[in-house]
N, C-alpha and C. Protein backbone atom coordinates (compact mmCIF):
# COMPACT_ATOMS: atom_id res chain seq x y z
N MET A 1 21.14 -33.77 -47.71
CA MET A 1 20.47 -34.63 -48.96
C MET A 1 19.42 -33.62 -49.45
N MET A 2 19.22 -33.88 -50.87
CA MET A 2 18.05 -33.46 -51.40
C MET A 2 16.67 -34.84 -52.21
N VAL A 3 15.49 -34.27 -51.44
CA VAL A 3 14.73 -35.02 -52.50
C VAL A 3 13.62 -34.62 -53.30
N ARG A 4 13.05 -35.12 -54.27
CA ARG A 4 12.44 -34.36 -55.28
C ARG A 4 11.12 -34.97 -55.37
N ILE A 5 9.78 -34.30 -54.54
CA ILE A 5 8.35 -34.44 -54.90
C ILE A 5 8.13 -33.71 -55.41
N GLY A 6 7.14 -34.56 -56.31
CA GLY A 6 6.32 -33.81 -56.70
C GLY A 6 6.73 -32.71 -58.34
N GLY A 7 7.82 -32.90 -58.27
CA GLY A 7 8.14 -32.32 -59.44
C GLY A 7 9.20 -30.77 -58.73
N LEU A 8 9.35 -31.13 -57.23
CA LEU A 8 10.06 -29.58 -56.69
C LEU A 8 10.94 -30.74 -55.78
N TRP A 9 12.09 -29.80 -55.84
CA TRP A 9 13.38 -30.15 -55.04
C TRP A 9 13.15 -29.75 -53.34
N TRP A 10 14.07 -30.36 -52.33
CA TRP A 10 13.50 -30.27 -51.43
C TRP A 10 15.01 -30.51 -50.65
N VAL A 11 15.88 -29.13 -50.18
CA VAL A 11 17.27 -29.95 -49.81
C VAL A 11 16.66 -30.02 -48.09
N ASN A 12 17.24 -31.21 -47.61
CA ASN A 12 17.16 -31.21 -46.27
C ASN A 12 18.48 -31.22 -45.79
N PRO A 13 19.52 -30.49 -45.02
CA PRO A 13 20.56 -30.28 -44.74
C PRO A 13 20.75 -31.58 -43.06
N CYS A 14 21.76 -31.88 -43.11
CA CYS A 14 22.79 -32.84 -42.27
C CYS A 14 23.33 -33.10 -41.68
N ARG A 15 24.04 -33.00 -40.78
CA ARG A 15 25.50 -33.33 -40.50
C ARG A 15 25.94 -34.50 -40.02
N ILE A 16 26.99 -35.19 -39.91
CA ILE A 16 27.84 -36.47 -39.78
C ILE A 16 28.03 -35.75 -38.25
N LEU A 17 27.92 -36.52 -36.90
CA LEU A 17 27.57 -36.14 -35.66
C LEU A 17 28.82 -36.44 -35.05
N ARG A 18 29.00 -38.06 -35.72
CA ARG A 18 30.00 -39.24 -35.19
C ARG A 18 30.33 -40.53 -35.96
N ARG A 19 31.97 -40.88 -35.32
CA ARG A 19 31.74 -41.81 -36.68
C ARG A 19 32.06 -43.29 -35.38
N CYS A 20 31.31 -44.15 -35.86
CA CYS A 20 31.29 -45.24 -35.05
C CYS A 20 32.56 -46.13 -35.27
N ASP A 21 33.50 -46.38 -35.12
CA ASP A 21 34.69 -47.33 -34.87
C ASP A 21 35.61 -47.63 -33.77
N SER A 22 35.35 -48.63 -34.21
CA SER A 22 36.13 -49.64 -33.00
C SER A 22 36.35 -51.28 -33.91
N ALA A 23 37.09 -51.76 -32.86
CA ALA A 23 38.07 -53.22 -34.03
C ALA A 23 36.94 -54.09 -34.37
N THR A 24 35.53 -53.79 -33.97
CA THR A 24 34.69 -54.73 -34.55
C THR A 24 33.42 -54.18 -35.59
N THR A 25 33.73 -52.80 -35.42
CA THR A 25 32.59 -52.07 -36.20
C THR A 25 33.34 -50.48 -36.35
N HIS A 26 32.66 -50.45 -37.61
CA HIS A 26 32.70 -48.97 -38.54
C HIS A 26 31.66 -48.56 -39.00
N GLY A 27 31.03 -47.04 -39.32
CA GLY A 27 30.20 -46.42 -39.64
C GLY A 27 30.04 -44.66 -39.18
N PHE A 28 29.02 -44.75 -39.35
CA PHE A 28 28.62 -43.23 -38.42
C PHE A 28 27.53 -42.85 -38.22
N VAL A 29 27.36 -41.76 -38.03
CA VAL A 29 25.36 -41.17 -37.20
C VAL A 29 25.75 -39.96 -37.49
N TYR A 30 24.74 -39.80 -38.37
CA TYR A 30 24.31 -38.46 -39.49
C TYR A 30 22.88 -37.43 -38.10
N GLY A 31 22.77 -36.51 -38.34
CA GLY A 31 21.76 -35.90 -37.61
C GLY A 31 21.29 -34.89 -38.91
N THR A 32 20.17 -34.83 -38.61
CA THR A 32 19.45 -33.24 -38.89
C THR A 32 19.76 -32.24 -38.57
N LEU A 33 19.95 -31.08 -39.75
CA LEU A 33 19.72 -29.67 -38.75
C LEU A 33 18.54 -28.66 -38.70
N PRO A 34 18.68 -27.80 -37.86
CA PRO A 34 17.20 -27.24 -37.94
C PRO A 34 16.01 -26.73 -39.51
N GLU A 35 17.15 -26.64 -40.51
CA GLU A 35 16.44 -26.56 -41.35
C GLU A 35 15.57 -28.19 -42.16
N HIS A 36 15.83 -29.28 -41.67
CA HIS A 36 15.97 -30.42 -42.10
C HIS A 36 14.50 -30.43 -42.07
N ALA A 37 13.24 -30.55 -42.89
CA ALA A 37 11.42 -31.41 -42.65
C ALA A 37 11.55 -32.47 -41.23
N GLU A 38 12.51 -32.92 -41.12
CA GLU A 38 12.47 -34.13 -39.74
C GLU A 38 13.33 -33.64 -39.07
N CYS A 39 13.10 -34.10 -37.22
CA CYS A 39 13.97 -33.68 -36.68
C CYS A 39 14.53 -35.38 -35.75
N GLY A 40 16.14 -36.12 -36.19
CA GLY A 40 16.18 -37.30 -35.60
C GLY A 40 17.72 -37.33 -35.87
N GLU A 41 18.26 -38.57 -35.81
CA GLU A 41 19.35 -39.41 -36.15
C GLU A 41 19.32 -40.11 -37.21
N GLU A 42 20.61 -40.94 -37.50
CA GLU A 42 20.40 -42.21 -38.60
C GLU A 42 22.22 -42.65 -38.71
N MET A 43 21.86 -43.66 -37.87
CA MET A 43 23.44 -44.62 -38.02
C MET A 43 23.46 -45.64 -39.15
N PHE A 44 24.33 -45.87 -39.76
CA PHE A 44 24.94 -46.55 -40.60
C PHE A 44 26.36 -47.18 -40.30
N ALA A 45 26.39 -48.48 -40.43
CA ALA A 45 27.33 -49.19 -39.13
C ALA A 45 27.82 -50.76 -40.50
N VAL A 46 28.71 -50.86 -40.16
CA VAL A 46 28.84 -52.69 -40.42
C VAL A 46 29.65 -53.01 -39.24
N GLU A 47 29.06 -54.17 -38.77
CA GLU A 47 29.67 -54.89 -37.31
C GLU A 47 30.02 -56.61 -38.09
N LYS A 48 31.52 -56.94 -37.47
CA LYS A 48 31.85 -58.18 -37.42
C LYS A 48 31.32 -58.61 -35.90
N ARG A 49 30.69 -60.18 -36.25
CA ARG A 49 30.40 -60.63 -35.49
C ARG A 49 31.41 -61.27 -35.14
N PRO A 50 31.46 -62.20 -33.58
CA PRO A 50 32.11 -63.19 -32.99
C PRO A 50 32.36 -64.30 -33.58
N ASP A 51 30.82 -64.96 -34.78
CA ASP A 51 31.08 -65.82 -34.95
C ASP A 51 31.97 -65.90 -36.33
N GLY A 52 32.24 -64.46 -36.84
CA GLY A 52 32.98 -64.24 -38.31
C GLY A 52 32.02 -63.57 -39.32
N SER A 53 30.77 -63.48 -39.03
CA SER A 53 29.28 -63.30 -39.77
C SER A 53 29.71 -61.38 -39.58
N VAL A 54 29.04 -60.89 -40.66
CA VAL A 54 29.38 -59.34 -41.33
C VAL A 54 28.10 -59.22 -41.16
N TRP A 55 27.42 -57.97 -40.23
CA TRP A 55 25.88 -57.89 -40.53
C TRP A 55 26.20 -56.09 -40.69
N TYR A 56 25.25 -55.51 -41.56
CA TYR A 56 25.22 -53.74 -41.74
C TYR A 56 23.59 -53.67 -41.17
N VAL A 57 24.31 -52.23 -40.21
CA VAL A 57 22.94 -51.86 -39.30
C VAL A 57 23.03 -51.12 -39.43
N ILE A 58 20.83 -50.25 -39.80
CA ILE A 58 20.93 -49.00 -39.73
C ILE A 58 20.00 -48.87 -38.58
N ARG A 59 20.29 -47.98 -37.62
CA ARG A 59 19.32 -47.19 -36.61
C ARG A 59 19.12 -45.65 -36.91
N ALA A 60 17.39 -45.66 -36.45
CA ALA A 60 17.00 -44.17 -37.21
C ALA A 60 16.02 -44.02 -36.05
N PHE A 61 15.67 -43.12 -35.39
CA PHE A 61 14.47 -41.99 -35.62
C PHE A 61 14.28 -40.91 -35.72
N SER A 62 12.99 -39.96 -35.55
CA SER A 62 12.94 -39.27 -36.47
C SER A 62 11.76 -38.67 -36.09
N HIS A 63 10.99 -37.61 -35.95
CA HIS A 63 9.88 -37.10 -36.34
C HIS A 63 9.84 -36.08 -36.87
N PRO A 64 8.79 -35.56 -37.41
CA PRO A 64 8.51 -34.53 -38.52
C PRO A 64 8.16 -33.23 -37.75
N ARG A 65 9.28 -32.03 -38.59
CA ARG A 65 9.27 -30.75 -38.10
C ARG A 65 8.73 -29.79 -38.80
N HIS A 66 8.66 -29.91 -40.28
CA HIS A 66 8.01 -29.39 -40.76
C HIS A 66 6.23 -29.50 -41.04
N TRP A 67 5.49 -28.37 -41.01
CA TRP A 67 4.47 -28.78 -41.69
C TRP A 67 4.05 -30.27 -42.69
N MET A 68 4.48 -29.90 -43.55
CA MET A 68 4.56 -30.75 -44.42
C MET A 68 4.68 -31.88 -44.44
N ALA A 69 5.62 -32.03 -43.57
CA ALA A 69 6.23 -33.76 -43.04
C ALA A 69 5.35 -34.20 -42.76
N TRP A 70 4.60 -33.60 -41.66
CA TRP A 70 3.46 -34.13 -40.93
C TRP A 70 2.48 -34.64 -41.63
N LEU A 71 1.96 -34.08 -42.72
CA LEU A 71 1.26 -33.62 -43.47
C LEU A 71 1.59 -35.67 -44.66
N GLY A 72 2.44 -35.41 -44.70
CA GLY A 72 3.51 -36.99 -45.58
C GLY A 72 3.97 -37.90 -44.80
N PHE A 73 3.60 -38.00 -43.19
CA PHE A 73 4.39 -38.71 -42.55
C PHE A 73 4.61 -40.04 -43.06
N PRO A 74 2.93 -40.44 -43.17
CA PRO A 74 2.97 -41.93 -43.80
C PRO A 74 3.40 -42.42 -44.70
N LEU A 75 3.96 -41.39 -45.94
CA LEU A 75 4.92 -41.33 -46.84
C LEU A 75 6.27 -41.49 -46.91
N ALA A 76 6.31 -40.76 -45.80
CA ALA A 76 7.83 -40.71 -45.35
C ALA A 76 7.87 -41.48 -44.81
N ARG A 77 7.46 -42.26 -43.80
CA ARG A 77 8.15 -43.58 -43.03
C ARG A 77 8.48 -44.87 -44.08
N TRP A 78 6.82 -44.76 -45.15
CA TRP A 78 6.97 -45.66 -46.55
C TRP A 78 8.06 -45.55 -47.29
N TRP A 79 8.84 -44.46 -47.38
CA TRP A 79 10.23 -43.93 -47.94
C TRP A 79 11.36 -44.80 -46.82
N GLN A 80 11.40 -44.50 -45.88
CA GLN A 80 12.45 -44.52 -45.12
C GLN A 80 12.27 -46.07 -45.01
N CYS A 81 10.73 -47.29 -45.22
CA CYS A 81 11.77 -48.62 -44.88
C CYS A 81 11.90 -48.66 -46.14
N ARG A 82 11.40 -48.23 -47.31
CA ARG A 82 11.68 -49.00 -48.76
C ARG A 82 13.65 -49.00 -49.10
N PHE A 83 13.93 -47.75 -48.25
CA PHE A 83 15.29 -47.39 -48.68
C PHE A 83 15.68 -49.08 -47.62
N VAL A 84 15.66 -48.65 -46.47
CA VAL A 84 16.09 -49.82 -45.73
C VAL A 84 16.33 -51.16 -46.43
N ARG A 85 15.09 -51.71 -47.16
CA ARG A 85 14.89 -53.00 -47.62
C ARG A 85 15.66 -52.99 -49.07
N ASP A 86 15.82 -51.51 -49.94
CA ASP A 86 16.60 -51.37 -50.94
C ASP A 86 18.61 -51.47 -50.70
N SER A 87 19.08 -50.86 -49.91
CA SER A 87 20.45 -50.63 -49.27
C SER A 87 20.49 -52.32 -48.55
N GLN A 88 19.50 -52.94 -47.77
CA GLN A 88 20.30 -54.32 -47.00
C GLN A 88 20.14 -55.26 -48.79
N ARG A 89 19.33 -54.85 -49.56
CA ARG A 89 19.59 -55.54 -50.70
C ARG A 89 20.77 -55.40 -51.55
N ARG A 90 20.67 -54.44 -51.41
CA ARG A 90 22.46 -54.22 -52.54
C ARG A 90 23.59 -54.63 -52.39
N MET A 91 23.65 -54.44 -50.21
CA MET A 91 24.49 -54.81 -49.44
C MET A 91 24.93 -56.48 -50.13
N ASN A 92 23.38 -57.53 -49.97
CA ASN A 92 23.86 -58.60 -50.15
C ASN A 92 24.44 -58.90 -51.66
N ASN A 93 23.98 -58.05 -52.40
CA ASN A 93 24.01 -58.40 -54.03
C ASN A 93 25.33 -57.86 -53.64
N ILE A 94 26.32 -57.29 -52.95
CA ILE A 94 27.46 -57.40 -52.95
C ILE A 94 28.35 -58.02 -52.55
N SER A 95 27.88 -58.43 -51.60
CA SER A 95 28.93 -59.31 -50.52
C SER A 95 28.70 -60.98 -51.72
N GLN A 96 27.74 -61.15 -53.03
CA GLN A 96 27.45 -62.61 -53.50
C GLN A 96 28.98 -62.57 -54.52
């Protein structure tokens, strides 16, 4: 993952840890590597519920690892929440 902050590129390596595949769920979990600014995991999945509805699910936990991430913690949380909103909006637009 690469992020541009203040005109500088910041590389944040991560790795796919596992797939989330079952009869009703498909997705993956990725985790941050030691060089990443934060420490944590994120899951992205699509679930088909018993009522036939389909849900897009994002689950995440993290905390800052790098001192600059600690300084920018409120901004990082804002970006994460914005990503969730934007990706859910995009998924809704695709399904219509």
